[in-house]
Protein backbone atom coordinates (compact mmCIF):
# COMPACT_ATOMS: atom_id res chain seq x y z
CA MET A 1 0.02 0.02 0.01
CA ALA A 2 1.14 3.49 -0.72
CA ASP A 3 2.26 5.77 2.24
CA ASP A 4 0.51 9.02 3.07
CA GLY A 5 0.89 11.48 0.25
CA LEU A 6 2.38 8.88 -2.10
CA TYR A 7 0.65 7.35 -5.11
CA GLU A 8 1.60 3.88 -6.37
CA ILE A 9 0.70 2.36 -9.67
CA ARG A 10 1.52 -1.31 -10.48
CA ILE A 11 1.60 -2.09 -14.15
CA THR A 12 1.81 -5.66 -15.30
CA THR A 13 2.25 -7.28 -18.66
CA GLY A 14 2.43 -10.89 -19.60
CA GLU A 15 6.21 -10.82 -19.17
CA ALA A 16 7.02 -8.22 -16.51
CA GLY A 17 5.72 -5.76 -14.02
CA ALA A 18 6.70 -2.32 -12.61
CA ILE A 19 5.86 -0.33 -9.57
CA LEU A 20 5.76 3.46 -10.10
CA ARG A 21 5.61 5.88 -7.18
CA ALA A 22 5.27 9.65 -6.97
CA ALA A 23 4.08 12.23 -4.48
CA THR A 24 1.57 13.83 -6.97
CA GLU A 25 -1.22 12.54 -9.20
CA ARG A 26 0.25 14.30 -12.14
CA ALA A 27 3.71 12.87 -11.71
CA VAL A 28 2.65 9.27 -11.33
CA ALA A 29 0.13 9.53 -14.13
CA ALA A 30 2.87 10.75 -16.54
CA LYS A 31 5.13 7.88 -15.53
CA ALA A 32 2.38 5.37 -15.99
CA GLU A 33 1.20 6.70 -19.32
CA THR A 34 4.75 6.56 -20.71
CA LEU A 35 5.17 2.94 -19.54
CA ILE A 36 1.73 1.87 -20.84
CA ARG A 37 2.45 3.33 -24.28
CA ARG A 38 5.93 1.59 -24.38
CA ALA A 39 4.47 -1.72 -23.32
CA HIS A 40 1.67 -1.52 -25.84
CA SER A 41 4.16 -0.77 -28.58
CA ARG A 42 5.78 -4.18 -27.83
CA GLY A 43 2.37 -5.83 -28.11
CA ALA A 44 1.96 -6.56 -24.40
CA ALA A 45 -1.43 -7.00 -22.62
CA ILE A 46 -1.50 -4.45 -19.77
CA GLY A 47 -2.92 -4.55 -16.24
CA VAL A 48 -3.02 -1.52 -13.95
CA ALA A 49 -3.60 -1.20 -10.15
CA VAL A 50 -3.56 2.10 -8.30
CA THR A 51 -3.19 2.72 -4.55
CA GLY A 52 -2.92 5.94 -2.52
CA SER A 53 -4.21 7.70 0.55
CA ASP A 54 -6.77 9.82 -1.30
CA GLY A 55 -9.63 7.69 -2.58
CA GLN A 56 -10.91 10.27 -4.96
CA ALA A 57 -7.42 10.75 -6.49
CA VAL A 58 -7.00 6.99 -6.85
CA ARG A 59 -10.35 6.79 -8.73
CA ARG A 60 -9.28 9.67 -11.07
CA LEU A 61 -6.02 7.92 -11.80
CA GLU A 62 -7.83 4.61 -12.45
CA LEU A 63 -10.20 6.29 -14.92
CA TYR A 64 -7.43 8.26 -16.68
CA LEU A 65 -5.21 5.19 -17.02
CA ALA A 66 -8.19 3.07 -18.30
CA ASP A 67 -8.66 5.76 -20.99
CA VAL A 68 -4.93 5.61 -21.87
CA VAL A 69 -5.12 1.79 -22.21
CA SER A 70 -8.27 2.14 -24.32
CA ASP A 71 -6.60 4.71 -26.50
CA VAL A 72 -3.48 2.69 -27.17
CA GLU A 73 -5.60 -0.45 -27.83
CA ARG A 74 -7.61 1.42 -30.48
CA SER A 75 -4.46 2.65 -32.28
């Protein structure tokens, strides 16, 4: 679980996984989007899990990253 004021995103593919952490929503979202786009370009299926101390921020991140995954899957 993420510590107070820290957001954590776990991104998994069929072959690997990564844990991204940052103190702000924006910073962790940017890191995650970059990694999602890179993983997709290699043809990997992508799973995303978000944790953090602010439930509303976690939900915003989940929705945003679901849109990113959907976008890369359409392209």
